Structures are given as C-alpha cells and as structure tokens.
Amino acid sequence: MVRNINWLGLFVLLSGIILTVWSCQNKAADTAHNRTEDQDSTFVIRDSLVMQADKRTVLPDTIVISKKHDPNVVVCDMDGDSRLDTVHIVQNTINHKYGLKVSFGNKKTTYLGMGQDILGQGFDDIDWVGIFEKAPRGEVYYNNVSDEGEIMTEDEVDEKDKIKLPHDGVFIHQAEACGGGIIYMNNGKFEWIQQE
C-alpha cells in the first residue's frame, strides 16, 4: 500500500522543529550572557557596608548544604516579621569555604561568608563551627571579650553594653574551644556579638 506524503505538511513540521531548536540555543546563549552581565553589577549589602558580591558565592548552583556540620540548619525568626526563616550552613563548591544561607520567610535570601568577611570579624569561612543553634529572642547577651582580649564575666560588663535580642539569632561556636558568637538582625542589618 502506497501512502501519499503531504510534502508541504512535512516541510512545515521540519521548519518548526529547526526554528524551535535554533531559538532555544539562542535563548541559552543570551541567558548565559545576561547572567555574566548581572554578576558584574551585583552588589550586596552586609553589615551596613555595600560590597561587590563575590560572583562565585551568589550563584545557587555553586552552593550546597554542608554535609560536614550536624546540625546544619536552624529555623527561627531573624527579621521579626513573624515568618519562619531558615538558616543553613552551606559550602561554596568553587572555593570550598563555608558560610550561612539565610532564607527569609518573605522568600528573600542572603549569604554570609563563603569567602567574604563575616560582619567585619576577620574571618570568611565557618568550617570551624561545631555548635550551631538558635539564640532566642529576648535573651540577654554581651560581647564577653575586652578590648585587650581578656574574657569578661557578666559582672564586668556594663548594663548598657548588654544586648537583649530583638529577634531570634543564630549562635555559632567552636566545639570544645573558644571562639564564636551570635549573629542577629537589628533594624534590618546583621550584627555580631562575640562569645568566647
């Protein structure tokens, strides 16, 4: 049995497939080009300083949740909007440095660390974290290291220097060693309280 071939229909079908493939390839190239342009002009506000973002740390496909840290997630309300925020310890797969991914309840996300200085504290990697937990809203904390580097007791700290957390924060610390602090938000910006 001989079939009649509709050459016009076949031509239209093949033309449509070719145009679709060509269009998708151009779109992928344009997306890659735009992604590079966006990276070059990306700025991130951290600790009330405007810094150009490390292009490698803000690409979602280069950030993975840490398998080294347990626990590696804290759920709290960091910004005080009554929505739960999620804070993960994450690793940048390019430079292998660890940091925090803060996913706010309003769907915004920000990153700390992974190669960028964390809140002016002189470190850009939190691979050393052994304790990672919620610092509850309303608790009173204070920087417990003097300007001379000495550890201070609560009695040695002025009342005006004690901080009652306005919202939940996260406590990060070395396991069985000195070094760490509390990261919390105050008036929309991240703050640090040193805890030895």
Protein backbone atom coordinates (compact mmCIF):
# COMPACT_ATOMS: atom_id res chain seq x y z
CA MET A 1 0.00 0.00 0.00
CA VAL A 2 1.48 3.31 -1.08
CA ARG A 3 0.92 6.30 1.15
CA ASN A 4 0.59 9.78 -0.17
CA ILE A 5 3.09 12.03 1.54
CA ASN A 6 1.99 15.54 2.30
CA TRP A 7 5.25 17.28 1.41
CA LEU A 8 4.01 20.71 2.42
CA GLY A 9 2.97 19.47 5.87
CA LEU A 10 6.30 17.69 6.35
CA PHE A 11 8.19 20.84 5.31
CA VAL A 12 6.22 22.99 7.78
CA LEU A 13 6.80 20.45 10.59
CA LEU A 14 10.55 20.22 9.97
CA SER A 15 10.83 24.01 9.68
CA GLY A 16 9.06 24.37 13.02
CA ILE A 17 11.41 21.90 14.71
CA ILE A 18 14.51 23.60 13.28
CA LEU A 19 13.29 27.05 14.35
CA THR A 20 12.48 25.77 17.85
CA VAL A 21 15.94 24.23 18.31
CA TRP A 22 17.65 27.34 16.93
CA SER A 23 15.55 29.59 19.18
CA CYS A 24 16.38 27.52 22.29
CA GLN A 25 20.11 27.66 21.52
CA ASN A 26 19.99 31.45 21.15
CA LYS A 27 17.99 31.79 24.37
CA ALA A 28 20.56 29.67 26.26
CA ALA A 29 23.39 31.84 24.90
CA ASP A 30 21.50 35.03 25.80
CA THR A 31 20.79 33.71 29.31
CA ALA A 32 24.46 32.89 29.87
CA HIS A 33 25.44 36.33 28.56
CA ASN A 34 22.88 38.11 30.78
CA ARG A 35 23.94 36.04 33.80
CA THR A 36 27.52 37.23 33.34
CA GLU A 37 26.39 40.85 32.95
CA ASP A 38 24.21 40.59 36.07
CA GLN A 39 27.11 39.15 38.06
CA ASP A 40 29.38 42.01 37.10
CA SER A 41 26.97 44.58 38.51
CA THR A 42 25.73 42.68 41.59
CA PHE A 43 26.12 44.44 44.90
CA VAL A 44 25.24 43.02 48.30
CA ILE A 45 24.54 44.96 51.48
CA ARG A 46 26.11 43.31 54.50
CA ASP A 47 26.69 44.81 57.94
CA SER A 48 25.67 48.23 56.61
CA LEU A 49 28.56 48.18 54.13
CA VAL A 50 27.95 47.95 50.40
CA MET A 51 30.36 45.45 48.88
CA GLN A 52 30.60 43.98 45.43
CA ALA A 53 29.47 40.39 45.73
CA ASP A 54 31.89 37.55 45.17
CA LYS A 55 30.36 36.30 41.94
CA ARG A 56 31.14 32.70 42.81
CA THR A 57 29.30 32.75 46.14
CA VAL A 58 25.96 34.05 44.93
CA LEU A 59 25.33 31.52 42.17
CA PRO A 60 22.83 28.99 43.53
CA ASP A 61 24.33 26.13 41.52
CA THR A 62 27.70 26.53 43.30
CA ILE A 63 26.28 26.39 46.83
CA VAL A 64 25.47 23.14 48.63
CA ILE A 65 24.18 22.43 52.12
CA SER A 66 27.04 21.33 54.36
CA LYS A 67 27.39 17.62 54.99
CA LYS A 68 30.23 18.28 57.44
CA HIS A 69 28.10 20.08 60.02
CA ASP A 70 25.40 18.44 62.14
CA PRO A 71 23.09 20.15 62.67
CA ASN A 72 23.37 22.30 59.57
CA VAL A 73 20.03 24.13 59.81
CA VAL A 74 18.33 26.46 62.29
CA VAL A 75 14.74 27.63 61.95
CA CYS A 76 13.94 30.93 63.65
CA ASP A 77 12.52 34.42 63.05
CA MET A 78 15.64 36.51 62.43
CA ASP A 79 13.96 39.60 61.00
CA GLY A 80 11.00 39.76 63.38
CA ASP A 81 8.27 39.56 60.74
CA SER A 82 6.60 36.55 62.45
CA ARG A 83 7.51 34.33 59.48
CA LEU A 84 9.92 31.47 59.96
CA ASP A 85 13.35 31.97 58.44
CA THR A 86 15.74 29.13 57.67
CA VAL A 87 19.49 29.41 58.20
CA HIS A 88 21.68 26.70 56.65
CA ILE A 89 25.40 26.15 56.88
CA VAL A 90 26.41 25.91 53.23
CA GLN A 91 29.57 25.40 51.23
CA ASN A 92 30.75 27.15 48.08
CA THR A 93 31.79 24.35 45.71
CA ILE A 94 34.29 26.59 43.91
CA ASN A 95 36.40 27.93 46.80
CA HIS A 96 35.28 25.22 49.31
CA LYS A 97 34.59 27.80 52.03
CA TYR A 98 31.61 27.56 54.35
CA GLY A 99 29.08 30.22 55.24
CA LEU A 100 25.43 30.83 56.05
CA LYS A 101 22.47 30.92 53.72
CA VAL A 102 19.62 32.89 55.30
CA SER A 103 16.29 32.19 53.61
CA PHE A 104 13.75 34.64 54.96
CA GLY A 105 10.04 33.87 55.23
CA ASN A 106 9.37 36.58 52.63
CA LYS A 107 11.34 34.49 50.07
CA LYS A 108 14.45 36.72 50.10
CA THR A 109 17.82 35.04 50.55
CA THR A 110 21.19 36.36 51.65
CA TYR A 111 24.58 34.75 52.18
CA LEU A 112 27.29 35.37 54.76
CA GLY A 113 30.84 34.05 54.48
CA MET A 114 31.93 31.58 51.80
CA GLY A 115 34.93 33.76 51.01
CA GLN A 116 33.62 37.15 52.15
CA ASP A 117 34.40 38.60 55.56
CA ILE A 118 31.60 37.92 58.03
CA LEU A 119 30.37 41.13 59.66
CA GLY A 120 33.84 42.63 60.00
CA GLN A 121 35.05 39.84 62.28
CA GLY A 122 38.15 38.92 60.30
CA PHE A 123 37.02 35.52 59.04
CA ASP A 124 35.35 34.47 55.81
CA ASP A 125 34.88 30.74 56.39
CA ILE A 126 32.94 28.94 59.14
CA ASP A 127 34.27 25.43 58.63
CA TRP A 128 35.29 25.55 62.33
CA VAL A 129 31.70 25.72 63.61
CA GLY A 130 30.87 22.83 65.94
CA ILE A 131 27.85 24.34 67.69
CA PHE A 132 25.04 25.80 65.58
CA GLU A 133 21.80 26.66 67.32
CA LYS A 134 19.06 29.23 67.76
CA ALA A 135 19.68 32.23 70.03
CA PRO A 136 16.15 33.04 71.24
CA ARG A 137 14.55 36.47 71.03
CA GLY A 138 14.52 38.29 74.36
CA GLU A 139 17.66 36.62 75.75
CA VAL A 140 20.37 38.96 77.01
CA TYR A 141 23.87 38.62 75.55
CA TYR A 142 27.04 40.71 75.60
CA ASN A 143 30.44 40.80 73.97
CA ASN A 144 32.47 38.88 76.52
CA VAL A 145 35.93 39.81 75.27
CA SER A 146 37.55 43.07 76.37
CA ASP A 147 39.48 45.38 74.06
CA GLU A 148 42.63 43.78 75.48
CA GLY A 149 41.44 40.30 74.50
CA GLU A 150 40.55 39.16 78.01
CA ILE A 151 37.40 37.12 78.63
CA MET A 152 34.96 39.06 80.80
CA THR A 153 32.33 37.79 83.21
CA GLU A 154 28.80 39.19 83.21
CA ASP A 155 29.61 41.26 86.32
CA GLU A 156 32.41 43.03 84.42
CA VAL A 157 30.10 44.15 81.59
CA ASP A 158 28.22 47.46 81.89
CA GLU A 159 24.44 47.14 81.72
CA LYS A 160 24.41 49.50 78.72
CA ASP A 161 26.61 47.02 76.83
CA LYS A 162 24.23 44.10 77.33
CA ILE A 163 22.02 43.31 74.36
CA LYS A 164 18.52 41.91 74.60
CA LEU A 165 17.92 40.22 71.26
CA PRO A 166 15.07 41.97 69.42
CA HIS A 167 14.57 38.85 67.26
CA ASP A 168 15.93 35.32 67.13
CA GLY A 169 19.53 34.91 66.11
CA VAL A 170 21.95 32.07 65.48
CA PHE A 171 24.73 31.02 67.83
CA ILE A 172 27.87 29.66 66.15
CA HIS A 173 30.82 28.42 68.17
CA GLN A 174 33.77 26.07 68.04
CA ALA A 175 33.08 22.74 69.72
CA GLU A 176 35.00 22.38 72.99
CA ALA A 177 37.08 25.51 72.34
CA CYS A 178 36.92 29.29 72.48
CA GLY A 179 35.63 31.28 69.56
CA GLY A 180 32.23 32.13 68.25
CA GLY A 181 29.34 34.49 68.54
CA ILE A 182 25.75 35.34 67.83
CA ILE A 183 24.51 36.66 64.51
CA TYR A 184 21.25 38.55 64.77
CA MET A 185 19.39 41.32 62.98
CA ASN A 186 18.83 44.79 64.37
CA ASN A 187 16.95 47.41 62.34
CA GLY A 188 17.29 45.34 59.18
CA LYS A 189 21.03 44.71 59.35
CA PHE A 190 23.11 41.82 60.63
CA GLU A 191 25.02 42.32 63.88
CA TRP A 192 27.61 40.23 65.75
CA ILE A 193 28.00 39.57 69.48
CA GLN A 194 31.35 37.97 70.41
CA GLN A 195 31.01 34.89 72.63
CA GLU A 196 34.19 33.12 73.80
